[in-house]
Amino acid sequence: MTTPNFCLCFSTDKKDPQGNGSITGFEVLLQKQLKGKQMQKEMAEFIRERIKIEEEYAKNLSKLSQIPLASQEEGTLGEAWAQLKKSLADEAEVHLKFSSKLQSEVEKPFLTFRENFKKDMKRFDHHIADLRKQLVGRYAAVEKARKALADRQKELELKTQQLEIKLSNKIEEDIKKARRKSTQAGDDLMRCVDLYNQSQSKWFEEMVTTSLELERLEVERIEMIRQHLCQYTTLRHETDMFNQSTMEPVDQLLQCVDPGKDRELWVRENKTGEIRPVDIEI
């Protein structure tokens, strides 16, 4: 099934669903683009909130890693505990890098594209609005000229009827004037119609061109968002992978925790002597 083109589906006006007269096909297209711009802004705001969460989380992890609780634990268990605390600092660094990449590789492109998009929409809106205004004005001129011609024809018909009732040189002169005015009104109508048709042709040509451009921008917007959301998931997977790597040294040291070795080390460093007490003999 062929995808319908913007330029083929929005060339006429339609009733405003809110009952405020009618809206042009271009206005429908423009509202779609403006909604897309708003959605992109909200997506950028969502990413900004995620960045704040990551930054705050990293800050708290780093702060926790520096708390000296249980820092006097000794031996192989002490080494594992120290590595676990260090892993918090490493994990904090991972989340800081994640938040920084989110800002540069997702949020910033969203905002940059939106600003350029905003400028394009403003330019298109003004251009088509000017053409539409000219078209409406020339249509009104056609209707005015059509009414003027009808009035002149009625006037000519009335003068002709008067001549049939009563022959008069003055009436004949009035008929000649009325005929000239009617002819002039006809010429004016044709001129107004020509101008309207020129505007109509120009407006439709620009509508087609602009609609195709809007269609291209909409496709580009969706594809751009898709690509950067894919980048978001890639960065998220990388964060999980790096977080996992911070735990590997902890896992290794926990596997090496040896109660016997720790007891032996502590005894060697803290023993007070190996002389056994003896019984007193009298």
C-alpha atoms as a PDB file:
ATOM      1  CA  MET A   1       0.000   0.000   0.000  1.00  0.00           C
ATOM      2  CA  THR A   2       1.421   3.383  -1.044  1.00  0.00           C
ATOM      3  CA  THR A   3       1.951   5.908   1.749  1.00  0.00           C
ATOM      4  CA  PRO A   4      -0.172   9.031   1.063  1.00  0.00           C
ATOM      5  CA  ASN A   5       1.732  12.258   0.486  1.00  0.00           C
ATOM      6  CA  PHE A   6       1.075  15.419   2.467  1.00  0.00           C
ATOM      7  CA  CYS A   7       0.654  17.458  -0.718  1.00  0.00           C
ATOM      8  CA  LEU A   8      -2.102  15.158  -2.019  1.00  0.00           C
ATOM      9  CA  CYS A   9      -4.155  15.088   1.171  1.00  0.00           C
ATOM     10  CA  PHE A  10      -4.153  18.676   2.480  1.00  0.00           C
ATOM     11  CA  SER A  11      -4.882  20.914  -0.510  1.00  0.00           C
ATOM     12  CA  THR A  12      -8.415  21.877   0.607  1.00  0.00           C
ATOM     13  CA  ASP A  13      -9.986  23.365   3.722  1.00  0.00           C
ATOM     14  CA  LYS A  14     -12.029  21.426   6.257  1.00  0.00           C
ATOM     15  CA  LYS A  15     -14.480  22.242   9.019  1.00  0.00           C
ATOM     16  CA  ASP A  16     -12.952  23.201  12.334  1.00  0.00           C
ATOM     17  CA  PRO A  17     -13.882  20.429  14.803  1.00  0.00           C
ATOM     18  CA  GLN A  18     -14.374  23.146  17.442  1.00  0.00           C
ATOM     19  CA  GLY A  19     -16.954  24.863  15.271  1.00  0.00           C
ATOM     20  CA  ASN A  20     -14.911  27.981  14.451  1.00  0.00           C
ATOM     21  CA  GLY A  21     -15.538  28.061  10.706  1.00  0.00           C
ATOM     22  CA  SER A  22     -12.975  26.173   8.644  1.00  0.00           C
ATOM     23  CA  ILE A  23      -9.240  25.563   8.762  1.00  0.00           C
ATOM     24  CA  THR A  24      -6.883  25.189   5.833  1.00  0.00           C
ATOM     25  CA  GLY A  25      -5.054  21.999   5.009  1.00  0.00           C
ATOM     26  CA  PHE A  26      -1.792  23.826   5.622  1.00  0.00           C
ATOM     27  CA  GLU A  27      -2.936  24.780   9.125  1.00  0.00           C
ATOM     28  CA  VAL A  28      -3.601  21.099   9.820  1.00  0.00           C
ATOM     29  CA  LEU A  29      -0.086  20.270   8.626  1.00  0.00           C
ATOM     30  CA  LEU A  30       1.399  23.105  10.640  1.00  0.00           C
ATOM     31  CA  GLN A  31      -0.397  22.013  13.824  1.00  0.00           C
ATOM     32  CA  LYS A  32       1.019  18.524  13.324  1.00  0.00           C
ATOM     33  CA  GLN A  33       4.528  19.954  13.071  1.00  0.00           C
ATOM     34  CA  LEU A  34       4.039  22.188  16.118  1.00  0.00           C
ATOM     35  CA  LYS A  35       2.782  19.224  18.117  1.00  0.00           C
ATOM     36  CA  GLY A  36       5.860  17.272  17.041  1.00  0.00           C
ATOM     37  CA  LYS A  37       8.056  20.156  18.182  1.00  0.00           C
ATOM     38  CA  GLN A  38       6.321  20.163  21.584  1.00  0.00           C
ATOM     39  CA  MET A  39       6.708  16.393  21.926  1.00  0.00           C
ATOM     40  CA  GLN A  40      10.413  16.717  21.205  1.00  0.00           C
ATOM     41  CA  LYS A  41      10.735  19.444  23.834  1.00  0.00           C
ATOM     42  CA  GLU A  42       9.048  17.195  26.394  1.00  0.00           C
ATOM     43  CA  MET A  43      11.349  14.312  25.470  1.00  0.00           C
ATOM     44  CA  ALA A  44      14.349  16.582  26.036  1.00  0.00           C
ATOM     45  CA  GLU A  45      12.890  17.577  29.425  1.00  0.00           C
ATOM     46  CA  PHE A  46      12.467  13.884  30.273  1.00  0.00           C
ATOM     47  CA  ILE A  47      16.131  13.195  29.416  1.00  0.00           C
ATOM     48  CA  ARG A  48      17.141  16.237  31.491  1.00  0.00           C
ATOM     49  CA  GLU A  49      15.337  14.757  34.505  1.00  0.00           C
ATOM     50  CA  ARG A  50      17.122  11.442  33.937  1.00  0.00           C
ATOM     51  CA  ILE A  51      20.456  13.305  33.836  1.00  0.00           C
ATOM     52  CA  LYS A  52      19.657  14.962  37.181  1.00  0.00           C
ATOM     53  CA  ILE A  53      18.827  11.585  38.722  1.00  0.00           C
ATOM     54  CA  GLU A  54      22.083  10.087  37.463  1.00  0.00           C
ATOM     55  CA  GLU A  55      24.108  13.043  38.761  1.00  0.00           C
ATOM     56  CA  GLU A  56      22.451  12.901  42.167  1.00  0.00           C
ATOM     57  CA  TYR A  57      22.898   9.134  42.343  1.00  0.00           C
ATOM     58  CA  ALA A  58      26.589   9.441  41.456  1.00  0.00           C
ATOM     59  CA  LYS A  59      27.037  12.148  44.090  1.00  0.00           C
ATOM     60  CA  ASN A  60      25.456   9.979  46.784  1.00  0.00           C
ATOM     61  CA  LEU A  61      27.493   6.909  45.779  1.00  0.00           C
ATOM     62  CA  SER A  62      30.716   8.907  45.925  1.00  0.00           C
ATOM     63  CA  LYS A  63      29.770  10.329  49.308  1.00  0.00           C
ATOM     64  CA  LEU A  64      28.932   6.867  50.662  1.00  0.00           C
ATOM     65  CA  SER A  65      32.232   5.408  49.428  1.00  0.00           C
ATOM     66  CA  GLN A  66      34.122   7.900  51.612  1.00  0.00           C
ATOM     67  CA  ILE A  67      32.344   7.047  54.869  1.00  0.00           C
ATOM     68  CA  PRO A  68      34.928   5.332  57.141  1.00  0.00           C
ATOM     69  CA  LEU A  69      32.538   2.732  58.510  1.00  0.00           C
ATOM     70  CA  ALA A  70      34.196  -0.651  59.152  1.00  0.00           C
ATOM     71  CA  SER A  71      37.490   0.725  57.789  1.00  0.00           C
ATOM     72  CA  GLN A  72      39.419  -1.079  60.501  1.00  0.00           C
ATOM     73  CA  GLU A  73      38.401  -4.534  59.312  1.00  0.00           C
ATOM     74  CA  GLU A  74      41.559  -6.587  58.719  1.00  0.00           C
ATOM     75  CA  GLY A  75      42.863  -9.430  56.615  1.00  0.00           C
ATOM     76  CA  THR A  76      41.245 -10.863  53.506  1.00  0.00           C
ATOM     77  CA  LEU A  77      37.799  -9.722  54.663  1.00  0.00           C
ATOM     78  CA  GLY A  78      39.156  -6.194  55.149  1.00  0.00           C
ATOM     79  CA  GLU A  79      40.540  -6.217  51.604  1.00  0.00           C
ATOM     80  CA  ALA A  80      37.158  -7.323  50.199  1.00  0.00           C
ATOM     81  CA  TRP A  81      35.351  -4.660  52.239  1.00  0.00           C
ATOM     82  CA  ALA A  82      37.743  -1.932  51.051  1.00  0.00           C
ATOM     83  CA  GLN A  83      37.237  -3.040  47.438  1.00  0.00           C
ATOM     84  CA  LEU A  84      33.460  -2.980  47.878  1.00  0.00           C
ATOM     85  CA  LYS A  85      33.661   0.639  49.070  1.00  0.00           C
ATOM     86  CA  LYS A  86      35.985   1.514  46.179  1.00  0.00           C
ATOM     87  CA  SER A  87      33.477  -0.044  43.765  1.00  0.00           C
ATOM     88  CA  LEU A  88      30.976   2.612  44.864  1.00  0.00           C
ATOM     89  CA  ALA A  89      33.366   5.363  43.770  1.00  0.00           C
ATOM     90  CA  ASP A  90      33.964   3.541  40.474  1.00  0.00           C
ATOM     91  CA  GLU A  91      30.228   3.142  39.962  1.00  0.00           C
ATOM     92  CA  ALA A  92      29.708   6.840  40.719  1.00  0.00           C
ATOM     93  CA  GLU A  93      32.185   7.670  37.955  1.00  0.00           C
ATOM     94  CA  VAL A  94      30.303   5.391  35.550  1.00  0.00           C
ATOM     95  CA  HIS A  95      27.022   7.164  36.256  1.00  0.00           C
ATOM     96  CA  LEU A  96      28.622  10.590  35.896  1.00  0.00           C
ATOM     97  CA  LYS A  97      29.944   9.613  32.475  1.00  0.00           C
ATOM     98  CA  PHE A  98      26.502   8.239  31.568  1.00  0.00           C
ATOM     99  CA  SER A  99      24.823  11.525  32.540  1.00  0.00           C
ATOM    100  CA  SER A 100      27.422  13.527  30.586  1.00  0.00           C
ATOM    101  CA  LYS A 101      26.900  11.433  27.449  1.00  0.00           C
ATOM    102  CA  LEU A 102      23.136  11.686  27.817  1.00  0.00           C
ATOM    103  CA  GLN A 103      23.500  15.456  27.820  1.00  0.00           C
ATOM    104  CA  SER A 104      25.803  15.661  24.791  1.00  0.00           C
ATOM    105  CA  GLU A 105      24.499  12.753  22.695  1.00  0.00           C
ATOM    106  CA  VAL A 106      20.745  12.809  23.388  1.00  0.00           C
ATOM    107  CA  GLU A 107      19.440  15.957  25.097  1.00  0.00           C
ATOM    108  CA  LYS A 108      21.543  18.509  23.183  1.00  0.00           C
ATOM    109  CA  PRO A 109      20.718  17.064  19.705  1.00  0.00           C
ATOM    110  CA  PHE A 110      17.019  17.109  20.642  1.00  0.00           C
ATOM    111  CA  LEU A 111      17.177  20.795  21.559  1.00  0.00           C
ATOM    112  CA  THR A 112      19.338  21.778  18.573  1.00  0.00           C
ATOM    113  CA  PHE A 113      17.045  20.036  16.100  1.00  0.00           C
ATOM    114  CA  ARG A 114      14.025  21.637  17.765  1.00  0.00           C
ATOM    115  CA  GLU A 115      15.458  25.154  17.416  1.00  0.00           C
ATOM    116  CA  ASN A 116      16.199  24.671  13.723  1.00  0.00           C
ATOM    117  CA  PHE A 117      12.777  23.074  13.298  1.00  0.00           C
ATOM    118  CA  LYS A 118      11.164  26.090  14.973  1.00  0.00           C
ATOM    119  CA  LYS A 119      12.847  28.493  12.529  1.00  0.00           C
ATOM    120  CA  ASP A 120      11.731  26.417   9.529  1.00  0.00           C
ATOM    121  CA  MET A 121       8.117  26.321  10.749  1.00  0.00           C
ATOM    122  CA  LYS A 122       8.050  30.086  11.250  1.00  0.00           C
ATOM    123  CA  ARG A 123       9.393  30.664   7.741  1.00  0.00           C
ATOM    124  CA  PHE A 124       6.901  28.273   6.144  1.00  0.00           C
ATOM    125  CA  ASP A 125       4.012  29.700   8.147  1.00  0.00           C
ATOM    126  CA  HIS A 126       4.708  33.297   7.116  1.00  0.00           C
ATOM    127  CA  HIS A 127       5.288  32.380   3.468  1.00  0.00           C
ATOM    128  CA  ILE A 128       2.099  30.352   3.017  1.00  0.00           C
ATOM    129  CA  ALA A 129       0.082  32.783   5.147  1.00  0.00           C
ATOM    130  CA  ASP A 130       1.107  35.671   2.863  1.00  0.00           C
ATOM    131  CA  LEU A 131       0.124  33.693  -0.237  1.00  0.00           C
ATOM    132  CA  ARG A 132      -3.153  32.653   1.365  1.00  0.00           C
ATOM    133  CA  LYS A 133      -3.897  36.261   2.327  1.00  0.00           C
ATOM    134  CA  GLN A 134      -3.250  37.384  -1.245  1.00  0.00           C
ATOM    135  CA  LEU A 135      -5.452  34.573  -2.560  1.00  0.00           C
ATOM    136  CA  VAL A 136      -8.328  35.493  -0.245  1.00  0.00           C
ATOM    137  CA  GLY A 137      -7.974  39.158  -1.144  1.00  0.00           C
ATOM    138  CA  ARG A 138      -8.086  38.452  -4.862  1.00  0.00           C
ATOM    139  CA  TYR A 139     -11.051  36.133  -4.451  1.00  0.00           C
ATOM    140  CA  ALA A 140     -12.875  38.968  -2.670  1.00  0.00           C
ATOM    141  CA  ALA A 141     -11.927  41.269  -5.566  1.00  0.00           C
ATOM    142  CA  VAL A 142     -13.447  38.763  -8.027  1.00  0.00           C
ATOM    143  CA  GLU A 143     -16.700  38.686  -6.052  1.00  0.00           C
ATOM    144  CA  LYS A 144     -16.768  42.477  -5.869  1.00  0.00           C
ATOM    145  CA  ALA A 145     -16.143  42.759  -9.622  1.00  0.00           C
ATOM    146  CA  ARG A 146     -18.821  40.118 -10.280  1.00  0.00           C
ATOM    147  CA  LYS A 147     -21.360  42.134  -8.276  1.00  0.00           C
ATOM    148  CA  ALA A 148     -20.311  45.356 -10.021  1.00  0.00           C
ATOM    149  CA  LEU A 149     -20.868  43.708 -13.415  1.00  0.00           C
ATOM    150  CA  ALA A 150     -24.287  42.474 -12.344  1.00  0.00           C
ATOM    151  CA  ASP A 151     -25.206  45.997 -11.192  1.00  0.00           C
ATOM    152  CA  ARG A 152     -24.018  47.527 -14.467  1.00  0.00           C
ATOM    153  CA  GLN A 153     -25.967  44.945 -16.476  1.00  0.00           C
ATOM    154  CA  LYS A 154     -29.112  45.710 -14.479  1.00  0.00           C
ATOM    155  CA  GLU A 155     -28.568  49.408 -15.062  1.00  0.00           C
ATOM    156  CA  LEU A 156     -28.134  48.800 -18.820  1.00  0.00           C
ATOM    157  CA  GLU A 157     -31.264  46.646 -18.889  1.00  0.00           C
ATOM    158  CA  LEU A 158     -33.227  49.338 -17.053  1.00  0.00           C
ATOM    159  CA  LYS A 159     -32.117  52.074 -19.477  1.00  0.00           C
ATOM    160  CA  THR A 160     -33.009  49.850 -22.448  1.00  0.00           C
ATOM    161  CA  GLN A 161     -36.489  49.310 -21.025  1.00  0.00           C
ATOM    162  CA  GLN A 162     -36.913  53.064 -20.561  1.00  0.00           C
ATOM    163  CA  LEU A 163     -35.942  53.646 -24.193  1.00  0.00           C
ATOM    164  CA  GLU A 164     -38.579  51.149 -25.330  1.00  0.00           C
ATOM    165  CA  ILE A 165     -41.219  53.051 -23.375  1.00  0.00           C
ATOM    166  CA  LYS A 166     -40.121  56.499 -24.387  1.00  0.00           C
ATOM    167  CA  LEU A 167     -37.741  57.508 -27.128  1.00  0.00           C
ATOM    168  CA  SER A 168     -35.299  60.119 -25.909  1.00  0.00           C
ATOM    169  CA  ASN A 169     -31.879  61.343 -26.944  1.00  0.00           C
ATOM    170  CA  LYS A 170     -30.902  61.564 -23.256  1.00  0.00           C
ATOM    171  CA  ILE A 171     -31.919  57.968 -22.631  1.00  0.00           C
ATOM    172  CA  GLU A 172     -29.927  56.845 -25.695  1.00  0.00           C
ATOM    173  CA  GLU A 173     -26.910  58.656 -24.285  1.00  0.00           C
ATOM    174  CA  ASP A 174     -27.509  57.046 -20.895  1.00  0.00           C
ATOM    175  CA  ILE A 175     -27.652  53.608 -22.575  1.00  0.00           C
ATOM    176  CA  LYS A 176     -24.302  54.249 -24.262  1.00  0.00           C
ATOM    177  CA  LYS A 177     -22.793  55.208 -20.891  1.00  0.00           C
ATOM    178  CA  ALA A 178     -24.357  52.186 -19.218  1.00  0.00           C
ATOM    179  CA  ARG A 179     -23.041  49.916 -21.983  1.00  0.00           C
ATOM    180  CA  ARG A 180     -19.537  51.347 -21.574  1.00  0.00           C
ATOM    181  CA  LYS A 181     -19.741  50.850 -17.798  1.00  0.00           C
ATOM    182  CA  SER A 182     -20.986  47.285 -18.285  1.00  0.00           C
ATOM    183  CA  THR A 183     -18.148  46.542 -20.704  1.00  0.00           C
ATOM    184  CA  GLN A 184     -15.649  48.094 -18.288  1.00  0.00           C
ATOM    185  CA  ALA A 185     -17.105  46.055 -15.430  1.00  0.00           C
ATOM    186  CA  GLY A 186     -16.741  42.915 -17.536  1.00  0.00           C
ATOM    187  CA  ASP A 187     -13.132  43.775 -18.279  1.00  0.00           C
ATOM    188  CA  ASP A 188     -12.510  44.443 -14.579  1.00  0.00           C
ATOM    189  CA  LEU A 189     -14.008  41.073 -13.705  1.00  0.00           C
ATOM    190  CA  MET A 190     -11.796  39.281 -16.223  1.00  0.00           C
ATOM    191  CA  ARG A 191      -8.742  41.088 -14.866  1.00  0.00           C
ATOM    192  CA  CYS A 192      -9.640  40.134 -11.293  1.00  0.00           C
ATOM    193  CA  VAL A 193     -10.204  36.519 -12.358  1.00  0.00           C
ATOM    194  CA  ASP A 194      -6.809  36.447 -14.089  1.00  0.00           C
ATOM    195  CA  LEU A 195      -5.111  37.820 -10.968  1.00  0.00           C
ATOM    196  CA  TYR A 196      -6.931  35.312  -8.782  1.00  0.00           C
ATOM    197  CA  ASN A 197      -5.952  32.431 -11.040  1.00  0.00           C
ATOM    198  CA  GLN A 198      -2.337  33.555 -10.937  1.00  0.00           C
ATOM    199  CA  SER A 199      -2.442  33.640  -7.138  1.00  0.00           C
ATOM    200  CA  GLN A 200      -4.235  30.300  -7.050  1.00  0.00           C
ATOM    201  CA  SER A 201      -1.577  28.728  -9.242  1.00  0.00           C
ATOM    202  CA  LYS A 202       1.245  30.253  -7.181  1.00  0.00           C
ATOM    203  CA  TRP A 203      -0.378  29.246  -3.890  1.00  0.00           C
ATOM    204  CA  PHE A 204      -0.953  25.661  -4.992  1.00  0.00           C
ATOM    205  CA  GLU A 205       2.580  25.379  -6.353  1.00  0.00           C
ATOM    206  CA  GLU A 206       4.020  26.641  -3.071  1.00  0.00           C
ATOM    207  CA  MET A 207       1.627  24.429  -1.087  1.00  0.00           C
ATOM    208  CA  VAL A 208       2.926  21.360  -2.896  1.00  0.00           C
ATOM    209  CA  THR A 209       6.555  22.392  -2.390  1.00  0.00           C
ATOM    210  CA  THR A 210       6.033  23.315   1.265  1.00  0.00           C
ATOM    211  CA  SER A 211       3.969  20.205   2.012  1.00  0.00           C
ATOM    212  CA  LEU A 212       6.704  17.995   0.622  1.00  0.00           C
ATOM    213  CA  GLU A 213       9.233  19.871   2.740  1.00  0.00           C
ATOM    214  CA  LEU A 214       7.059  19.457   5.843  1.00  0.00           C
ATOM    215  CA  GLU A 215       6.730  15.785   5.062  1.00  0.00           C
ATOM    216  CA  ARG A 216      10.510  15.470   4.763  1.00  0.00           C
ATOM    217  CA  LEU A 217      11.003  17.287   8.065  1.00  0.00           C
ATOM    218  CA  GLU A 218       8.490  15.046   9.839  1.00  0.00           C
ATOM    219  CA  VAL A 219      10.231  11.915   8.588  1.00  0.00           C
ATOM    220  CA  GLU A 220      13.575  13.436   9.578  1.00  0.00           C
ATOM    221  CA  ARG A 221      12.268  14.353  13.047  1.00  0.00           C
ATOM    222  CA  ILE A 222      10.992  10.842  13.759  1.00  0.00           C
ATOM    223  CA  GLU A 223      14.155   9.210  12.438  1.00  0.00           C
ATOM    224  CA  MET A 224      16.355  11.583  14.442  1.00  0.00           C
ATOM    225  CA  ILE A 225      14.439  10.818  17.649  1.00  0.00           C
ATOM    226  CA  ARG A 226      14.602   7.082  16.944  1.00  0.00           C
ATOM    227  CA  GLN A 227      18.367   7.218  16.421  1.00  0.00           C
ATOM    228  CA  HIS A 228      19.012   9.156  19.618  1.00  0.00           C
ATOM    229  CA  LEU A 229      16.700   6.975  21.686  1.00  0.00           C
ATOM    230  CA  CYS A 230      18.676   4.018  20.341  1.00  0.00           C
ATOM    231  CA  GLN A 231      21.799   5.840  21.509  1.00  0.00           C
ATOM    232  CA  TYR A 232      20.152   6.194  24.923  1.00  0.00           C
ATOM    233  CA  THR A 233      19.636   2.422  25.159  1.00  0.00           C
ATOM    234  CA  THR A 234      23.213   1.808  23.974  1.00  0.00           C
ATOM    235  CA  LEU A 235      24.582   4.108  26.686  1.00  0.00           C
ATOM    236  CA  ARG A 236      22.341   2.409  29.224  1.00  0.00           C
ATOM    237  CA  HIS A 237      23.659  -1.023  28.278  1.00  0.00           C
ATOM    238  CA  GLU A 238      27.223   0.290  28.508  1.00  0.00           C
ATOM    239  CA  THR A 239      26.494   1.644  31.984  1.00  0.00           C
ATOM    240  CA  ASP A 240      25.214  -1.737  33.110  1.00  0.00           C
ATOM    241  CA  MET A 241      28.301  -3.386  31.650  1.00  0.00           C
ATOM    242  CA  PHE A 242      30.695  -0.969  33.375  1.00  0.00           C
ATOM    243  CA  ASN A 243      28.794  -1.302  36.653  1.00  0.00           C
ATOM    244  CA  GLN A 244      29.165  -5.053  36.389  1.00  0.00           C
ATOM    245  CA  SER A 245      32.908  -4.639  35.848  1.00  0.00           C
ATOM    246  CA  THR A 246      33.190  -2.622  39.087  1.00  0.00           C
ATOM    247  CA  MET A 247      31.806  -5.629  40.984  1.00  0.00           C
ATOM    248  CA  GLU A 248      34.175  -8.199  39.514  1.00  0.00           C
ATOM    249  CA  PRO A 249      37.132  -7.291  41.803  1.00  0.00           C
ATOM    250  CA  VAL A 250      34.765  -7.408  44.781  1.00  0.00           C
ATOM    251  CA  ASP A 251      33.554 -10.858  43.747  1.00  0.00           C
ATOM    252  CA  GLN A 252      37.139 -12.071  43.328  1.00  0.00           C
ATOM    253  CA  LEU A 253      38.230 -10.803  46.744  1.00  0.00           C
ATOM    254  CA  LEU A 254      35.133 -12.244  48.410  1.00  0.00           C
ATOM    255  CA  GLN A 255      36.077 -15.620  46.952  1.00  0.00           C
ATOM    256  CA  CYS A 256      39.489 -15.211  48.557  1.00  0.00           C
ATOM    257  CA  VAL A 257      38.188 -14.426  52.047  1.00  0.00           C
ATOM    258  CA  ASP A 258      39.773 -17.067  54.322  1.00  0.00           C
ATOM    259  CA  PRO A 259      38.754 -17.099  58.021  1.00  0.00           C
ATOM    260  CA  GLY A 260      41.736 -19.287  58.870  1.00  0.00           C
ATOM    261  CA  LYS A 261      44.214 -16.987  57.173  1.00  0.00           C
ATOM    262  CA  ASP A 262      42.663 -13.913  58.783  1.00  0.00           C
ATOM    263  CA  ARG A 263      42.867 -15.583  62.220  1.00  0.00           C
ATOM    264  CA  GLU A 264      46.480 -16.572  61.626  1.00  0.00           C
ATOM    265  CA  LEU A 265      47.396 -13.032  60.504  1.00  0.00           C
ATOM    266  CA  TRP A 266      45.712 -11.441  63.468  1.00  0.00           C
ATOM    267  CA  VAL A 267      47.369 -13.823  65.908  1.00  0.00           C
ATOM    268  CA  ARG A 268      50.790 -13.210  64.351  1.00  0.00           C
ATOM    269  CA  GLU A 269      50.409  -9.438  64.627  1.00  0.00           C
ATOM    270  CA  ASN A 270      48.817  -9.334  68.066  1.00  0.00           C
ATOM    271  CA  LYS A 271      50.158 -12.327  70.012  1.00  0.00           C
ATOM    272  CA  THR A 272      51.551 -11.620  73.454  1.00  0.00           C
ATOM    273  CA  GLY A 273      53.698 -14.697  73.883  1.00  0.00           C
ATOM    274  CA  GLU A 274      53.730 -18.467  73.694  1.00  0.00           C
ATOM    275  CA  ILE A 275      54.979 -19.326  77.198  1.00  0.00           C
ATOM    276  CA  ARG A 276      52.391 -21.448  78.849  1.00  0.00           C
ATOM    277  CA  PRO A 277      51.575 -20.936  82.484  1.00  0.00           C
ATOM    278  CA  VAL A 278      52.853 -23.609  84.903  1.00  0.00           C
ATOM    279  CA  ASP A 279      51.558 -24.819  88.195  1.00  0.00           C
ATOM    280  CA  ILE A 280      53.135 -23.429  91.299  1.00  0.00           C
ATOM    281  CA  GLU A 281      54.914 -26.076  93.354  1.00  0.00           C
ATOM    282  CA  ILE A 282      55.689 -25.593  96.979  1.00  0.00           C
END
